[in-house]
Amino acid sequence: MNLEINKKAIKAEGIKFFIEEEGREVARAFLYIMNNDLHKEPFGLLEDLFVDESLRGQGIGTELLNMVIAEAKNQKCYKLVATSRHERQIVHKIYEKAGFKNFGIEFKMYLNENE
């Protein structure tokens, strides 16, 4: 069997939500809007939701998360995917409270030896 693998560019864009305090970024979240051939609508990927340790427990992460969800809805995404490390149980509870469901395991490969 001689199958040829083709490729084509797919449109994607990213939006960064962040909070600065005295010129320093203290909270952030990235929303990537991507498309695939399975759905007419795009899907969203939430990446790197972060709040500085000194500000945790004040609802900032939840507020960022809600803004990302609202923007994903505004962008007409059919789903929003979020990833989190196993040990981040507090983050998992925030995601679940917001309506996310645990669907499986994330696999990651670093392509740069510095990671």
PDB file of N, CA and C in Angstrom:
ATOM      1  N   MET A   1       0.857  -1.174   0.000  1.00  0.00           N
ATOM      2  CA  MET A   1       0.000   0.000   0.000  1.00  0.00           C
ATOM      3  C   MET A   1       0.901   1.236   0.000  1.00  0.00           C
ATOM      4  N   ASN A   2       0.615   2.148  -0.913  1.00  0.00           N
ATOM      5  CA  ASN A   2       1.414   3.361  -1.049  1.00  0.00           C
ATOM      6  C   ASN A   2       0.506   4.571  -0.834  1.00  0.00           C
ATOM      7  N   LEU A   3       0.396   5.000   0.399  1.00  0.00           N
ATOM      8  CA  LEU A   3      -0.456   6.133   0.730  1.00  0.00           C
ATOM      9  C   LEU A   3       0.390   7.388   0.882  1.00  0.00           C
ATOM     10  N   GLU A   4      -0.132   8.481   0.374  1.00  0.00           N
ATOM     11  CA  GLU A   4       0.566   9.757   0.477  1.00  0.00           C
ATOM     12  C   GLU A   4      -0.081  10.595   1.574  1.00  0.00           C
ATOM     13  N   ILE A   5       0.729  11.123   2.466  1.00  0.00           N
ATOM     14  CA  ILE A   5       0.230  11.994   3.524  1.00  0.00           C
ATOM     15  C   ILE A   5       0.304  13.428   3.022  1.00  0.00           C
ATOM     16  N   ASN A   6      -0.832  14.092   3.046  1.00  0.00           N
ATOM     17  CA  ASN A   6      -0.926  15.483   2.612  1.00  0.00           C
ATOM     18  C   ASN A   6      -1.021  16.386   3.834  1.00  0.00           C
ATOM     19  N   LYS A   7      -0.823  17.663   3.630  1.00  0.00           N
ATOM     20  CA  LYS A   7      -1.024  18.623   4.711  1.00  0.00           C
ATOM     21  C   LYS A   7      -1.590  19.909   4.140  1.00  0.00           C
ATOM     22  N   LYS A   8      -2.312  20.639   5.011  1.00  0.00           N
ATOM     23  CA  LYS A   8      -2.829  21.939   4.635  1.00  0.00           C
ATOM     24  C   LYS A   8      -2.812  22.828   5.864  1.00  0.00           C
ATOM     25  N   ALA A   9      -2.668  24.103   5.668  1.00  0.00           N
ATOM     26  CA  ALA A   9      -2.664  25.064   6.766  1.00  0.00           C
ATOM     27  C   ALA A   9      -4.079  25.213   7.313  1.00  0.00           C
ATOM     28  N   ILE A  10      -4.182  25.308   8.627  1.00  0.00           N
ATOM     29  CA  ILE A  10      -5.455  25.498   9.302  1.00  0.00           C
ATOM     30  C   ILE A  10      -5.374  26.818  10.072  1.00  0.00           C
ATOM     31  N   LYS A  11      -6.396  27.618   9.951  1.00  0.00           N
ATOM     32  CA  LYS A  11      -6.430  28.909  10.635  1.00  0.00           C
ATOM     33  C   LYS A  11      -6.575  28.711  12.152  1.00  0.00           C
ATOM     34  N   ALA A  12      -5.771  29.462  12.906  1.00  0.00           N
ATOM     35  CA  ALA A  12      -5.866  29.472  14.363  1.00  0.00           C
ATOM     36  C   ALA A  12      -5.465  30.863  14.850  1.00  0.00           C
ATOM     37  N   GLU A  13      -5.986  31.234  16.003  1.00  0.00           N
ATOM     38  CA  GLU A  13      -5.588  32.512  16.587  1.00  0.00           C
ATOM     39  C   GLU A  13      -5.549  32.366  18.094  1.00  0.00           C
ATOM     40  N   GLY A  14      -4.834  33.240  18.751  1.00  0.00           N
ATOM     41  CA  GLY A  14      -4.719  33.196  20.192  1.00  0.00           C
ATOM     42  C   GLY A  14      -5.082  34.525  20.819  1.00  0.00           C
ATOM     43  N   ILE A  15      -5.627  34.450  22.028  1.00  0.00           N
ATOM     44  CA  ILE A  15      -5.985  35.630  22.800  1.00  0.00           C
ATOM     45  C   ILE A  15      -5.386  35.457  24.190  1.00  0.00           C
ATOM     46  N   LYS A  16      -4.678  36.459  24.661  1.00  0.00           N
ATOM     47  CA  LYS A  16      -4.091  36.414  25.991  1.00  0.00           C
ATOM     48  C   LYS A  16      -4.889  37.321  26.923  1.00  0.00           C
ATOM     49  N   PHE A  17      -5.290  36.763  28.056  1.00  0.00           N
ATOM     50  CA  PHE A  17      -5.934  37.509  29.130  1.00  0.00           C
ATOM     51  C   PHE A  17      -4.894  37.632  30.230  1.00  0.00           C
ATOM     52  N   PHE A  18      -4.708  38.822  30.781  1.00  0.00           N
ATOM     53  CA  PHE A  18      -3.676  38.954  31.804  1.00  0.00           C
ATOM     54  C   PHE A  18      -3.952  40.131  32.727  1.00  0.00           C
ATOM     55  N   ILE A  19      -3.312  40.080  33.887  1.00  0.00           N
ATOM     56  CA  ILE A  19      -3.378  41.134  34.882  1.00  0.00           C
ATOM     57  C   ILE A  19      -1.943  41.522  35.217  1.00  0.00           C
ATOM     58  N   GLU A  20      -1.689  42.818  35.191  1.00  0.00           N
ATOM     59  CA  GLU A  20      -0.379  43.328  35.577  1.00  0.00           C
ATOM     60  C   GLU A  20      -0.506  44.121  36.867  1.00  0.00           C
ATOM     61  N   GLU A  21       0.500  43.995  37.701  1.00  0.00           N
ATOM     62  CA  GLU A  21       0.560  44.762  38.936  1.00  0.00           C
ATOM     63  C   GLU A  21       1.956  45.354  39.032  1.00  0.00           C
ATOM     64  N   GLU A  22       2.032  46.677  39.029  1.00  0.00           N
ATOM     65  CA  GLU A  22       3.309  47.384  39.073  1.00  0.00           C
ATOM     66  C   GLU A  22       4.255  46.914  37.958  1.00  0.00           C
ATOM     67  N   GLY A  23       3.701  46.760  36.757  1.00  0.00           N
ATOM     68  CA  GLY A  23       4.491  46.382  35.591  1.00  0.00           C
ATOM     69  C   GLY A  23       4.876  44.917  35.514  1.00  0.00           C
ATOM     70  N   ARG A  24       4.349  44.105  36.422  1.00  0.00           N
ATOM     71  CA  ARG A  24       4.661  42.675  36.445  1.00  0.00           C
ATOM     72  C   ARG A  24       3.395  41.865  36.218  1.00  0.00           C
ATOM     73  N   GLU A  25       3.473  40.894  35.333  1.00  0.00           N
ATOM     74  CA  GLU A  25       2.319  40.033  35.066  1.00  0.00           C
ATOM     75  C   GLU A  25       2.104  39.105  36.253  1.00  0.00           C
ATOM     76  N   VAL A  26       0.913  39.165  36.859  1.00  0.00           N
ATOM     77  CA  VAL A  26       0.625  38.361  38.042  1.00  0.00           C
ATOM     78  C   VAL A  26      -0.447  37.304  37.793  1.00  0.00           C
ATOM     79  N   ALA A  27      -1.109  37.368  36.660  1.00  0.00           N
ATOM     80  CA  ALA A  27      -2.118  36.370  36.309  1.00  0.00           C
ATOM     81  C   ALA A  27      -2.280  36.370  34.794  1.00  0.00           C
ATOM     82  N   ARG A  28      -2.583  35.183  34.252  1.00  0.00           N
ATOM     83  CA  ARG A  28      -2.751  35.092  32.802  1.00  0.00           C
ATOM     84  C   ARG A  28      -3.504  33.822  32.424  1.00  0.00           C
ATOM     85  N   ALA A  29      -4.027  33.842  31.230  1.00  0.00           N
ATOM     86  CA  ALA A  29      -4.622  32.669  30.599  1.00  0.00           C
ATOM     87  C   ALA A  29      -4.599  32.911  29.099  1.00  0.00           C
ATOM     88  N   PHE A  30      -4.378  31.851  28.355  1.00  0.00           N
ATOM     89  CA  PHE A  30      -4.373  31.930  26.898  1.00  0.00           C
ATOM     90  C   PHE A  30      -5.548  31.128  26.359  1.00  0.00           C
ATOM     91  N   LEU A  31      -6.227  31.705  25.387  1.00  0.00           N
ATOM     92  CA  LEU A  31      -7.293  31.011  24.669  1.00  0.00           C
ATOM     93  C   LEU A  31      -6.881  30.922  23.209  1.00  0.00           C
ATOM     94  N   TYR A  32      -6.789  29.705  22.710  1.00  0.00           N
ATOM     95  CA  TYR A  32      -6.479  29.490  21.298  1.00  0.00           C
ATOM     96  C   TYR A  32      -7.747  29.015  20.607  1.00  0.00           C
ATOM     97  N   ILE A  33      -8.087  29.671  19.520  1.00  0.00           N
ATOM     98  CA  ILE A  33      -9.262  29.342  18.719  1.00  0.00           C
ATOM     99  C   ILE A  33      -8.762  28.591  17.487  1.00  0.00           C
ATOM    100  N   MET A  34      -9.206  27.340  17.345  1.00  0.00           N
ATOM    101  CA  MET A  34      -8.708  26.491  16.261  1.00  0.00           C
ATOM    102  C   MET A  34      -9.859  25.837  15.515  1.00  0.00           C
ATOM    103  N   ASN A  35      -9.549  25.388  14.328  1.00  0.00           N
ATOM    104  CA  ASN A  35     -10.539  24.734  13.482  1.00  0.00           C
ATOM    105  C   ASN A  35     -10.048  23.352  13.073  1.00  0.00           C
ATOM    106  N   ASN A  36     -10.995  22.465  12.822  1.00  0.00           N
ATOM    107  CA  ASN A  36     -10.676  21.174  12.216  1.00  0.00           C
ATOM    108  C   ASN A  36     -11.787  20.826  11.233  1.00  0.00           C
ATOM    109  N   ASP A  37     -11.604  19.763  10.501  1.00  0.00           N
ATOM    110  CA  ASP A  37     -12.587  19.388   9.473  1.00  0.00           C
ATOM    111  C   ASP A  37     -13.797  18.640  10.036  1.00  0.00           C
ATOM    112  N   LEU A  38     -13.800  18.351  11.322  1.00  0.00           N
ATOM    113  CA  LEU A  38     -14.890  17.580  11.914  1.00  0.00           C
ATOM    114  C   LEU A  38     -16.106  18.433  12.253  1.00  0.00           C
ATOM    115  N   HIS A  39     -15.887  19.733  12.462  1.00  0.00           N
ATOM    116  CA  HIS A  39     -16.971  20.634  12.836  1.00  0.00           C
ATOM    117  C   HIS A  39     -16.866  21.931  12.049  1.00  0.00           C
ATOM    118  N   LYS A  40     -18.015  22.503  11.778  1.00  0.00           N
ATOM    119  CA  LYS A  40     -18.053  23.804  11.113  1.00  0.00           C
ATOM    120  C   LYS A  40     -17.545  24.889  12.071  1.00  0.00           C
ATOM    121  N   GLU A  41     -17.899  24.761  13.358  1.00  0.00           N
ATOM    122  CA  GLU A  41     -17.507  25.739  14.360  1.00  0.00           C
ATOM    123  C   GLU A  41     -16.096  25.452  14.853  1.00  0.00           C
ATOM    124  N   PRO A  42     -15.402  26.462  15.348  1.00  0.00           N
ATOM    125  CA  PRO A  42     -14.075  26.249  15.920  1.00  0.00           C
ATOM    126  C   PRO A  42     -14.172  25.641  17.320  1.00  0.00           C
ATOM    127  N   PHE A  43     -13.042  25.244  17.856  1.00  0.00           N
ATOM    128  CA  PHE A  43     -12.974  24.844  19.254  1.00  0.00           C
ATOM    129  C   PHE A  43     -11.921  25.696  19.952  1.00  0.00           C
ATOM    130  N   GLY A  44     -12.016  25.768  21.264  1.00  0.00           N
ATOM    131  CA  GLY A  44     -11.076  26.565  22.034  1.00  0.00           C
ATOM    132  C   GLY A  44     -10.171  25.683  22.873  1.00  0.00           C
ATOM    133  N   LEU A  45      -8.952  26.137  23.056  1.00  0.00           N
ATOM    134  CA  LEU A  45      -8.004  25.479  23.945  1.00  0.00           C
ATOM    135  C   LEU A  45      -7.547  26.492  24.982  1.00  0.00           C
ATOM    136  N   LEU A  46      -7.824  26.208  26.236  1.00  0.00           N
ATOM    137  CA  LEU A  46      -7.368  27.043  27.343  1.00  0.00           C
ATOM    138  C   LEU A  46      -5.988  26.547  27.748  1.00  0.00           C
ATOM    139  N   GLU A  47      -5.025  27.427  27.763  1.00  0.00           N
ATOM    140  CA  GLU A  47      -3.651  27.051  28.064  1.00  0.00           C
ATOM    141  C   GLU A  47      -3.079  28.003  29.112  1.00  0.00           C
ATOM    142  N   ASP A  48      -2.342  27.456  30.042  1.00  0.00           N
ATOM    143  CA  ASP A  48      -1.530  28.222  30.983  1.00  0.00           C
ATOM    144  C   ASP A  48      -2.331  29.209  31.830  1.00  0.00           C
ATOM    145  N   LEU A  49      -3.398  28.731  32.455  1.00  0.00           N
ATOM    146  CA  LEU A  49      -4.101  29.548  33.441  1.00  0.00           C
ATOM    147  C   LEU A  49      -3.181  29.646  34.660  1.00  0.00           C
ATOM    148  N   PHE A  50      -2.802  30.858  35.024  1.00  0.00           N
ATOM    149  CA  PHE A  50      -1.818  31.046  36.096  1.00  0.00           C
ATOM    150  C   PHE A  50      -2.186  32.268  36.925  1.00  0.00           C
ATOM    151  N   VAL A  51      -2.036  32.117  38.246  1.00  0.00           N
ATOM    152  CA  VAL A  51      -2.162  33.239  39.178  1.00  0.00           C
ATOM    153  C   VAL A  51      -0.968  33.160  40.117  1.00  0.00           C
ATOM    154  N   ASP A  52      -0.305  34.275  40.312  1.00  0.00           N
ATOM    155  CA  ASP A  52       0.837  34.343  41.218  1.00  0.00           C
ATOM    156  C   ASP A  52       0.435  33.806  42.595  1.00  0.00           C
ATOM    157  N   GLU A  53       1.340  33.057  43.217  1.00  0.00           N
ATOM    158  CA  GLU A  53       1.033  32.435  44.509  1.00  0.00           C
ATOM    159  C   GLU A  53       0.533  33.428  45.541  1.00  0.00           C
ATOM    160  N   SER A  54       1.051  34.638  45.546  1.00  0.00           N
ATOM    161  CA  SER A  54       0.654  35.642  46.540  1.00  0.00           C
ATOM    162  C   SER A  54      -0.786  36.114  46.366  1.00  0.00           C
ATOM    163  N   LEU A  55      -1.395  35.835  45.216  1.00  0.00           N
ATOM    164  CA  LEU A  55      -2.755  36.302  44.930  1.00  0.00           C
ATOM    165  C   LEU A  55      -3.774  35.164  44.841  1.00  0.00           C
ATOM    166  N   ARG A  56      -3.331  33.951  45.045  1.00  0.00           N
ATOM    167  CA  ARG A  56      -4.253  32.810  44.933  1.00  0.00           C
ATOM    168  C   ARG A  56      -5.270  32.815  46.066  1.00  0.00           C
ATOM    169  N   GLY A  57      -6.437  32.225  45.777  1.00  0.00           N
ATOM    170  CA  GLY A  57      -7.495  32.140  46.780  1.00  0.00           C
ATOM    171  C   GLY A  57      -8.392  33.363  46.834  1.00  0.00           C
ATOM    172  N   GLN A  58      -8.200  34.297  45.911  1.00  0.00           N
ATOM    173  CA  GLN A  58      -8.998  35.520  45.888  1.00  0.00           C
ATOM    174  C   GLN A  58     -10.019  35.542  44.752  1.00  0.00           C
ATOM    175  N   GLY A  59     -10.113  34.443  44.001  1.00  0.00           N
ATOM    176  CA  GLY A  59     -11.077  34.374  42.909  1.00  0.00           C
ATOM    177  C   GLY A  59     -10.557  34.882  41.574  1.00  0.00           C
ATOM    178  N   ILE A  60      -9.295  35.255  41.514  1.00  0.00           N
ATOM    179  CA  ILE A  60      -8.733  35.792  40.268  1.00  0.00           C
ATOM    180  C   ILE A  60      -8.702  34.725  39.180  1.00  0.00           C
ATOM    181  N   GLY A  61      -8.292  33.510  39.528  1.00  0.00           N
ATOM    182  CA  GLY A  61      -8.257  32.418  38.548  1.00  0.00           C
ATOM    183  C   GLY A  61      -9.641  32.105  38.015  1.00  0.00           C
ATOM    184  N   THR A  62     -10.622  32.099  38.905  1.00  0.00           N
ATOM    185  CA  THR A  62     -12.008  31.845  38.490  1.00  0.00           C
ATOM    186  C   THR A  62     -12.498  32.947  37.563  1.00  0.00           C
ATOM    187  N   GLU A  63     -12.149  34.191  37.887  1.00  0.00           N
ATOM    188  CA  GLU A  63     -12.553  35.309  37.033  1.00  0.00           C
ATOM    189  C   GLU A  63     -11.910  35.202  35.649  1.00  0.00           C
ATOM    190  N   LEU A  64     -10.620  34.878  35.602  1.00  0.00           N
ATOM    191  CA  LEU A  64      -9.954  34.680  34.306  1.00  0.00           C
ATOM    192  C   LEU A  64     -10.618  33.545  33.535  1.00  0.00           C
ATOM    193  N   LEU A  65     -10.869  32.438  34.226  1.00  0.00           N
ATOM    194  CA  LEU A  65     -11.503  31.291  33.592  1.00  0.00           C
ATOM    195  C   LEU A  65     -12.860  31.666  33.012  1.00  0.00           C
ATOM    196  N   ASN A  66     -13.653  32.400  33.772  1.00  0.00           N
ATOM    197  CA  ASN A  66     -14.973  32.811  33.282  1.00  0.00           C
ATOM    198  C   ASN A  66     -14.857  33.719  32.057  1.00  0.00           C
ATOM    199  N   MET A  67     -13.835  34.566  32.031  1.00  0.00           N
ATOM    200  CA  MET A  67     -13.628  35.430  30.859  1.00  0.00           C
ATOM    201  C   MET A  67     -13.247  34.605  29.630  1.00  0.00           C
ATOM    202  N   VAL A  68     -12.409  33.589  29.828  1.00  0.00           N
ATOM    203  CA  VAL A  68     -12.024  32.711  28.719  1.00  0.00           C
ATOM    204  C   VAL A  68     -13.243  31.951  28.198  1.00  0.00           C
ATOM    205  N   ILE A  69     -14.060  31.423  29.100  1.00  0.00           N
ATOM    206  CA  ILE A  69     -15.269  30.704  28.696  1.00  0.00           C
ATOM    207  C   ILE A  69     -16.197  31.625  27.910  1.00  0.00           C
ATOM    208  N   ALA A  70     -16.399  32.838  28.401  1.00  0.00           N
ATOM    209  CA  ALA A  70     -17.268  33.800  27.723  1.00  0.00           C
ATOM    210  C   ALA A  70     -16.737  34.118  26.329  1.00  0.00           C
ATOM    211  N   GLU A  71     -15.430  34.282  26.208  1.00  0.00           N
ATOM    212  CA  GLU A  71     -14.850  34.585  24.896  1.00  0.00           C
ATOM    213  C   GLU A  71     -14.973  33.393  23.958  1.00  0.00           C
ATOM    214  N   ALA A  72     -14.781  32.182  24.464  1.00  0.00           N
ATOM    215  CA  ALA A  72     -14.950  30.988  23.631  1.00  0.00           C
ATOM    216  C   ALA A  72     -16.385  30.900  23.111  1.00  0.00           C
ATOM    217  N   LYS A  73     -17.341  31.215  23.959  1.00  0.00           N
ATOM    218  CA  LYS A  73     -18.745  31.253  23.518  1.00  0.00           C
ATOM    219  C   LYS A  73     -18.942  32.350  22.490  1.00  0.00           C
ATOM    220  N   ASN A  74     -18.368  33.519  22.724  1.00  0.00           N
ATOM    221  CA  ASN A  74     -18.472  34.636  21.791  1.00  0.00           C
ATOM    222  C   ASN A  74     -17.878  34.277  20.426  1.00  0.00           C
ATOM    223  N   GLN A  75     -16.833  33.468  20.434  1.00  0.00           N
ATOM    224  CA  GLN A  75     -16.183  33.033  19.197  1.00  0.00           C
ATOM    225  C   GLN A  75     -16.919  31.858  18.543  1.00  0.00           C
ATOM    226  N   LYS A  76     -18.041  31.431  19.152  1.00  0.00           N
ATOM    227  CA  LYS A  76     -18.890  30.348  18.639  1.00  0.00           C
ATOM    228  C   LYS A  76     -18.194  28.989  18.676  1.00  0.00           C
ATOM    229  N   CYS A  77     -17.325  28.777  19.661  1.00  0.00           N
ATOM    230  CA  CYS A  77     -16.650  27.485  19.810  1.00  0.00           C
ATOM    231  C   CYS A  77     -17.661  26.416  20.208  1.00  0.00           C
ATOM    232  N   TYR A  78     -17.521  25.225  19.648  1.00  0.00           N
ATOM    233  CA  TYR A  78     -18.419  24.129  20.010  1.00  0.00           C
ATOM    234  C   TYR A  78     -17.937  23.422  21.269  1.00  0.00           C
ATOM    235  N   LYS A  79     -16.645  23.583  21.618  1.00  0.00           N
ATOM    236  CA  LYS A  79     -16.133  23.023  22.864  1.00  0.00           C
ATOM    237  C   LYS A  79     -14.928  23.846  23.304  1.00  0.00           C
ATOM    238  N   LEU A  80     -14.592  23.707  24.583  1.00  0.00           N
ATOM    239  CA  LEU A  80     -13.419  24.335  25.155  1.00  0.00           C
ATOM    240  C   LEU A  80     -12.651  23.248  25.905  1.00  0.00           C
ATOM    241  N   VAL A  81     -11.391  23.095  25.583  1.00  0.00           N
ATOM    242  CA  VAL A  81     -10.535  22.083  26.189  1.00  0.00           C
ATOM    243  C   VAL A  81      -9.562  22.778  27.133  1.00  0.00           C
ATOM    244  N   ALA A  82      -9.390  22.226  28.322  1.00  0.00           N
ATOM    245  CA  ALA A  82      -8.416  22.743  29.282  1.00  0.00           C
ATOM    246  C   ALA A  82      -7.537  21.589  29.739  1.00  0.00           C
ATOM    247  N   THR A  83      -6.285  21.865  29.952  1.00  0.00           N
ATOM    248  CA  THR A  83      -5.376  20.840  30.446  1.00  0.00           C
ATOM    249  C   THR A  83      -4.844  21.251  31.808  1.00  0.00           C
ATOM    250  N   SER A  84      -4.427  20.263  32.591  1.00  0.00           N
ATOM    251  CA  SER A  84      -3.882  20.534  33.914  1.00  0.00           C
ATOM    252  C   SER A  84      -3.047  19.332  34.357  1.00  0.00           C
ATOM    253  N   ARG A  85      -2.012  19.609  35.107  1.00  0.00           N
ATOM    254  CA  ARG A  85      -1.180  18.518  35.636  1.00  0.00           C
ATOM    255  C   ARG A  85      -1.942  17.759  36.714  1.00  0.00           C
ATOM    256  N   HIS A  86      -1.609  16.483  36.871  1.00  0.00           N
ATOM    257  CA  HIS A  86      -2.301  15.617  37.839  1.00  0.00           C
ATOM    258  C   HIS A  86      -2.320  16.194  39.247  1.00  0.00           C
ATOM    259  N   GLU A  87      -1.225  16.790  39.684  1.00  0.00           N
ATOM    260  CA  GLU A  87      -1.119  17.248  41.067  1.00  0.00           C
ATOM    261  C   GLU A  87      -1.877  18.534  41.355  1.00  0.00           C
ATOM    262  N   ARG A  88      -2.470  19.168  40.366  1.00  0.00           N
ATOM    263  CA  ARG A  88      -3.142  20.460  40.539  1.00  0.00           C
ATOM    264  C   ARG A  88      -4.624  20.277  40.893  1.00  0.00           C
ATOM    265  N   GLN A  89      -4.898  19.598  41.989  1.00  0.00           N
ATOM    266  CA  GLN A  89      -6.269  19.268  42.383  1.00  0.00           C
ATOM    267  C   GLN A  89      -7.150  20.497  42.587  1.00  0.00           C
ATOM    268  N   ILE A  90      -6.590  21.575  43.104  1.00  0.00           N
ATOM    269  CA  ILE A  90      -7.380  22.805  43.308  1.00  0.00           C
ATOM    270  C   ILE A  90      -7.846  23.345  41.957  1.00  0.00           C
ATOM    271  N   VAL A  91      -6.965  23.331  40.974  1.00  0.00           N
ATOM    272  CA  VAL A  91      -7.327  23.789  39.629  1.00  0.00           C
ATOM    273  C   VAL A  91      -8.407  22.884  39.042  1.00  0.00           C
ATOM    274  N   HIS A  92      -8.281  21.568  39.259  1.00  0.00           N
ATOM    275  CA  HIS A  92      -9.288  20.633  38.744  1.00  0.00           C
ATOM    276  C   HIS A  92     -10.667  20.974  39.317  1.00  0.00           C
ATOM    277  N   LYS A  93     -10.721  21.294  40.594  1.00  0.00           N
ATOM    278  CA  LYS A  93     -12.005  21.631  41.216  1.00  0.00           C
ATOM    279  C   LYS A  93     -12.581  22.916  40.640  1.00  0.00           C
ATOM    280  N   ILE A  94     -11.713  23.890  40.353  1.00  0.00           N
ATOM    281  CA  ILE A  94     -12.178  25.138  39.732  1.00  0.00           C
ATOM    282  C   ILE A  94     -12.756  24.840  38.347  1.00  0.00           C
ATOM    283  N   TYR A  95     -12.055  24.009  37.566  1.00  0.00           N
ATOM    284  CA  TYR A  95     -12.547  23.644  36.234  1.00  0.00           C
ATOM    285  C   TYR A  95     -13.888  22.914  36.326  1.00  0.00           C
ATOM    286  N   GLU A  96     -13.974  21.949  37.227  1.00  0.00           N
ATOM    287  CA  GLU A  96     -15.221  21.191  37.369  1.00  0.00           C
ATOM    288  C   GLU A  96     -16.376  22.078  37.826  1.00  0.00           C
ATOM    289  N   LYS A  97     -16.098  22.996  38.739  1.00  0.00           N
ATOM    290  CA  LYS A  97     -17.138  23.926  39.197  1.00  0.00           C
ATOM    291  C   LYS A  97     -17.647  24.795  38.045  1.00  0.00           C
ATOM    292  N   ALA A  98     -16.750  25.101  37.105  1.00  0.00           N
ATOM    293  CA  ALA A  98     -17.128  25.914  35.942  1.00  0.00           C
ATOM    294  C   ALA A  98     -17.869  25.101  34.881  1.00  0.00           C
ATOM    295  N   GLY A  99     -17.903  23.770  35.028  1.00  0.00           N
ATOM    296  CA  GLY A  99     -18.643  22.939  34.080  1.00  0.00           C
ATOM    297  C   GLY A  99     -17.797  22.005  33.230  1.00  0.00           C
ATOM    298  N   PHE A 100     -16.482  22.026  33.396  1.00  0.00           N
ATOM    299  CA  PHE A 100     -15.627  21.106  32.647  1.00  0.00           C
ATOM    300  C   PHE A 100     -15.796  19.687  33.176  1.00  0.00           C
ATOM    301  N   LYS A 101     -15.610  18.703  32.310  1.00  0.00           N
ATOM    302  CA  LYS A 101     -15.636  17.290  32.666  1.00  0.00           C
ATOM    303  C   LYS A 101     -14.257  16.699  32.390  1.00  0.00           C
ATOM    304  N   ASN A 102     -13.834  15.765  33.235  1.00  0.00           N
ATOM    305  CA  ASN A 102     -12.560  15.087  33.036  1.00  0.00           C
ATOM    306  C   ASN A 102     -12.740  14.003  31.980  1.00  0.00           C
ATOM    307  N   PHE A 103     -12.110  14.194  30.811  1.00  0.00           N
ATOM    308  CA  PHE A 103     -12.298  13.277  29.698  1.00  0.00           C
ATOM    309  C   PHE A 103     -11.115  12.354  29.450  1.00  0.00           C
ATOM    310  N   GLY A 104     -10.008  12.529  30.152  1.00  0.00           N
ATOM    311  CA  GLY A 104      -8.905  11.629  29.872  1.00  0.00           C
ATOM    312  C   GLY A 104      -7.562  12.157  30.306  1.00  0.00           C
ATOM    313  N   ILE A 105      -6.567  11.726  29.599  1.00  0.00           N
ATOM    314  CA  ILE A 105      -5.182  12.016  29.930  1.00  0.00           C
ATOM    315  C   ILE A 105      -4.552  12.829  28.819  1.00  0.00           C
ATOM    316  N   GLU A 106      -3.736  13.779  29.203  1.00  0.00           N
ATOM    317  CA  GLU A 106      -2.975  14.564  28.229  1.00  0.00           C
ATOM    318  C   GLU A 106      -1.593  13.947  28.098  1.00  0.00           C
ATOM    319  N   PHE A 107      -1.120  13.768  26.891  1.00  0.00           N
ATOM    320  CA  PHE A 107       0.238  13.318  26.640  1.00  0.00           C
ATOM    321  C   PHE A 107       1.020  14.493  26.093  1.00  0.00           C
ATOM    322  N   LYS A 108       2.257  14.626  26.511  1.00  0.00           N
ATOM    323  CA  LYS A 108       3.062  15.762  26.115  1.00  0.00           C
ATOM    324  C   LYS A 108       4.445  15.283  25.746  1.00  0.00           C
ATOM    325  N   MET A 109       5.003  15.908  24.715  1.00  0.00           N
ATOM    326  CA  MET A 109       6.376  15.652  24.309  1.00  0.00           C
ATOM    327  C   MET A 109       7.066  16.981  24.155  1.00  0.00           C
ATOM    328  N   TYR A 110       8.130  17.216  24.905  1.00  0.00           N
ATOM    329  CA  TYR A 110       8.899  18.438  24.733  1.00  0.00           C
ATOM    330  C   TYR A 110       9.843  18.252  23.565  1.00  0.00           C
ATOM    331  N   LEU A 111       9.837  19.205  22.670  1.00  0.00           N
ATOM    332  CA  LEU A 111      10.673  19.144  21.470  1.00  0.00           C
ATOM    333  C   LEU A 111      11.938  19.980  21.628  1.00  0.00           C
ATOM    334  N   ASN A 112      12.094  20.573  22.794  1.00  0.00           N
ATOM    335  CA  ASN A 112      13.256  21.382  23.093  1.00  0.00           C
ATOM    336  C   ASN A 112      13.904  20.806  24.348  1.00  0.00           C
ATOM    337  N   GLU A 113      15.160  20.511  24.305  1.00  0.00           N
ATOM    338  CA  GLU A 113      15.846  19.881  25.433  1.00  0.00           C
ATOM    339  C   GLU A 113      15.877  20.767  26.675  1.00  0.00           C
ATOM    340  N   ASN A 114      15.593  22.051  26.534  1.00  0.00           N
ATOM    341  CA  ASN A 114      15.628  22.976  27.677  1.00  0.00           C
ATOM    342  C   ASN A 114      14.394  22.868  28.560  1.00  0.00           C
ATOM    343  N   GLU A 115      13.386  22.132  28.174  1.00  0.00           N
ATOM    344  CA  GLU A 115      12.135  22.038  28.936  1.00  0.00           C
ATOM    345  C   GLU A 115      12.257  21.053  30.066  1.00  0.00           C
TER     346      GLU A 115
END
